[in-house]
Amino acid sequence: MEITEIAIRRLQRSLNALGRGLDIPHLRVDGRLDRKTVAALAHFLAARGPEGEEVLVRALLALD
């Protein structure tokens, strides 16, 4: 598994966990950076505002 695929899987897992209650569709954790993943990321950041980015970064670091 490539490092990029691992990073995208971590992003997808984090968005699934942090996106609950934000009307973000559940993502399949497949390591592919597709339109659904990009849309979920944009929706999450728009819904959470400035602190959303910090929360997401902390979640990603915790999976490291």
N, C-alpha and C. Protein backbone atom coordinates (compact mmCIF):
# COMPACT_ATOMS: atom_id res chain seq x y z
N MET A 1 0.85 -1.17 0.00
CA MET A 1 0.00 0.00 0.00
C MET A 1 0.90 1.24 0.00
N GLU A 2 0.59 2.19 -0.86
CA GLU A 2 1.37 3.42 -0.97
C GLU A 2 1.06 4.37 0.18
N ILE A 3 2.02 5.24 0.46
CA ILE A 3 1.84 6.22 1.52
C ILE A 3 0.63 7.12 1.23
N THR A 4 0.45 7.50 -0.03
CA THR A 4 -0.69 8.36 -0.40
C THR A 4 -2.00 7.66 -0.09
N GLU A 5 -2.10 6.38 -0.42
CA GLU A 5 -3.32 5.62 -0.15
C GLU A 5 -3.60 5.54 1.35
N ILE A 6 -2.56 5.36 2.14
CA ILE A 6 -2.71 5.30 3.59
C ILE A 6 -3.22 6.64 4.11
N ALA A 7 -2.64 7.74 3.61
CA ALA A 7 -3.06 9.07 4.06
C ALA A 7 -4.53 9.34 3.70
N ILE A 8 -4.94 8.93 2.51
CA ILE A 8 -6.32 9.15 2.09
C ILE A 8 -7.27 8.31 2.93
N ARG A 9 -6.88 7.09 3.25
CA ARG A 9 -7.71 6.26 4.12
C ARG A 9 -7.89 6.92 5.49
N ARG A 10 -6.82 7.49 6.02
CA ARG A 10 -6.90 8.20 7.31
C ARG A 10 -7.84 9.39 7.20
N LEU A 11 -7.74 10.12 6.10
CA LEU A 11 -8.64 11.25 5.88
C LEU A 11 -10.09 10.79 5.82
N GLN A 12 -10.35 9.72 5.09
CA GLN A 12 -11.71 9.20 4.96
C GLN A 12 -12.25 8.74 6.31
N ARG A 13 -11.44 8.04 7.08
CA ARG A 13 -11.87 7.60 8.41
C ARG A 13 -12.20 8.80 9.31
N SER A 14 -11.32 9.80 9.25
CA SER A 14 -11.53 10.98 10.08
C SER A 14 -12.80 11.73 9.68
N LEU A 15 -13.02 11.88 8.39
CA LEU A 15 -14.23 12.56 7.93
C LEU A 15 -15.48 11.79 8.33
N ASN A 16 -15.42 10.47 8.27
CA ASN A 16 -16.57 9.67 8.70
C ASN A 16 -16.87 9.89 10.17
N ALA A 17 -15.83 9.93 10.98
CA ALA A 17 -16.04 10.10 12.42
C ALA A 17 -16.45 11.53 12.78
N LEU A 18 -15.75 12.50 12.22
CA LEU A 18 -16.00 13.90 12.57
C LEU A 18 -17.21 14.49 11.86
N GLY A 19 -17.62 13.86 10.78
CA GLY A 19 -18.73 14.39 9.99
C GLY A 19 -20.10 13.98 10.47
N ARG A 20 -20.16 13.17 11.50
CA ARG A 20 -21.47 12.76 12.03
C ARG A 20 -22.25 13.98 12.48
N GLY A 21 -23.49 14.05 12.10
CA GLY A 21 -24.34 15.17 12.48
C GLY A 21 -24.18 16.39 11.59
N LEU A 22 -23.31 16.31 10.59
CA LEU A 22 -23.10 17.44 9.69
C LEU A 22 -23.70 17.18 8.31
N ASP A 23 -24.47 16.13 8.18
CA ASP A 23 -25.10 15.78 6.91
C ASP A 23 -24.08 15.49 5.82
N ILE A 24 -22.96 14.89 6.21
CA ILE A 24 -21.93 14.47 5.25
C ILE A 24 -22.14 12.98 4.98
N PRO A 25 -22.29 12.59 3.71
CA PRO A 25 -22.47 11.16 3.42
C PRO A 25 -21.28 10.34 3.90
N HIS A 26 -21.56 9.14 4.40
CA HIS A 26 -20.51 8.23 4.86
C HIS A 26 -19.64 7.83 3.67
N LEU A 27 -18.33 7.89 3.85
CA LEU A 27 -17.39 7.55 2.80
C LEU A 27 -16.95 6.11 2.91
N ARG A 28 -16.76 5.48 1.78
CA ARG A 28 -16.13 4.16 1.76
C ARG A 28 -14.64 4.41 1.95
N VAL A 29 -14.03 3.73 2.89
CA VAL A 29 -12.60 3.90 3.18
C VAL A 29 -11.83 2.99 2.22
N ASP A 30 -11.48 3.58 1.06
CA ASP A 30 -10.84 2.79 0.01
C ASP A 30 -9.50 3.37 -0.44
N GLY A 31 -9.10 4.52 0.14
CA GLY A 31 -7.81 5.09 -0.21
C GLY A 31 -7.78 5.82 -1.55
N ARG A 32 -8.95 6.04 -2.14
CA ARG A 32 -9.03 6.75 -3.42
C ARG A 32 -9.53 8.17 -3.19
N LEU A 33 -8.80 9.13 -3.71
CA LEU A 33 -9.20 10.53 -3.59
C LEU A 33 -10.14 10.85 -4.75
N ASP A 34 -11.43 10.58 -4.53
CA ASP A 34 -12.42 10.79 -5.57
C ASP A 34 -13.28 12.00 -5.25
N ARG A 35 -14.27 12.25 -6.10
CA ARG A 35 -15.14 13.42 -5.91
C ARG A 35 -15.87 13.39 -4.58
N LYS A 36 -16.28 12.20 -4.13
CA LYS A 36 -17.01 12.10 -2.87
C LYS A 36 -16.13 12.50 -1.68
N THR A 37 -14.88 12.09 -1.70
CA THR A 37 -13.96 12.43 -0.61
C THR A 37 -13.68 13.93 -0.60
N VAL A 38 -13.42 14.49 -1.78
CA VAL A 38 -13.14 15.92 -1.87
C VAL A 38 -14.37 16.73 -1.44
N ALA A 39 -15.56 16.29 -1.87
CA ALA A 39 -16.80 16.99 -1.49
C ALA A 39 -17.04 16.91 0.01
N ALA A 40 -16.77 15.74 0.60
CA ALA A 40 -16.95 15.57 2.05
C ALA A 40 -15.99 16.48 2.81
N LEU A 41 -14.75 16.57 2.34
CA LEU A 41 -13.77 17.45 2.98
C LEU A 41 -14.21 18.91 2.90
N ALA A 42 -14.64 19.34 1.72
CA ALA A 42 -15.09 20.72 1.55
C ALA A 42 -16.31 21.01 2.43
N HIS A 43 -17.24 20.07 2.49
CA HIS A 43 -18.44 20.24 3.31
C HIS A 43 -18.07 20.33 4.79
N PHE A 44 -17.18 19.45 5.22
CA PHE A 44 -16.75 19.45 6.62
C PHE A 44 -16.12 20.79 6.99
N LEU A 45 -15.19 21.26 6.16
CA LEU A 45 -14.49 22.51 6.47
C LEU A 45 -15.44 23.69 6.44
N ALA A 46 -16.40 23.69 5.53
CA ALA A 46 -17.38 24.78 5.46
C ALA A 46 -18.31 24.75 6.68
N ALA A 47 -18.70 23.55 7.11
CA ALA A 47 -19.62 23.43 8.24
C ALA A 47 -18.96 23.73 9.57
N ARG A 48 -17.70 23.35 9.74
CA ARG A 48 -17.02 23.51 11.02
C ARG A 48 -16.30 24.84 11.17
N GLY A 49 -16.12 25.55 10.08
CA GLY A 49 -15.44 26.84 10.17
C GLY A 49 -13.96 26.68 10.44
N PRO A 50 -13.33 27.75 10.91
CA PRO A 50 -11.87 27.75 11.10
C PRO A 50 -11.36 26.65 12.04
N GLU A 51 -12.12 26.34 13.08
CA GLU A 51 -11.63 25.31 14.01
C GLU A 51 -11.72 23.91 13.41
N GLY A 52 -12.50 23.75 12.35
CA GLY A 52 -12.63 22.44 11.71
C GLY A 52 -11.33 21.92 11.17
N GLU A 53 -10.53 22.80 10.59
CA GLU A 53 -9.24 22.38 10.06
C GLU A 53 -8.34 21.87 11.18
N GLU A 54 -8.31 22.58 12.30
CA GLU A 54 -7.48 22.17 13.43
C GLU A 54 -7.95 20.82 13.99
N VAL A 55 -9.24 20.65 14.11
CA VAL A 55 -9.80 19.39 14.61
C VAL A 55 -9.43 18.23 13.67
N LEU A 56 -9.54 18.47 12.37
CA LEU A 56 -9.21 17.43 11.40
C LEU A 56 -7.73 17.07 11.46
N VAL A 57 -6.87 18.06 11.56
CA VAL A 57 -5.43 17.80 11.64
C VAL A 57 -5.11 16.98 12.89
N ARG A 58 -5.72 17.34 14.02
CA ARG A 58 -5.48 16.57 15.25
C ARG A 58 -5.94 15.12 15.10
N ALA A 59 -7.07 14.93 14.43
CA ALA A 59 -7.59 13.57 14.22
C ALA A 59 -6.63 12.77 13.33
N LEU A 60 -6.13 13.41 12.29
CA LEU A 60 -5.19 12.72 11.38
C LEU A 60 -3.89 12.36 12.10
N LEU A 61 -3.39 13.27 12.91
CA LEU A 61 -2.17 13.00 13.66
C LEU A 61 -2.36 11.87 14.67
N ALA A 62 -3.56 11.77 15.23
CA ALA A 62 -3.83 10.71 16.19
C ALA A 62 -3.81 9.33 15.53
N LEU A 63 -4.08 9.27 14.24
CA LEU A 63 -4.07 8.00 13.53
C LEU A 63 -2.67 7.60 13.07
N ASP A 64 -1.72 8.47 13.27
CA ASP A 64 -0.35 8.21 12.83
C ASP A 64 0.33 7.16 13.67
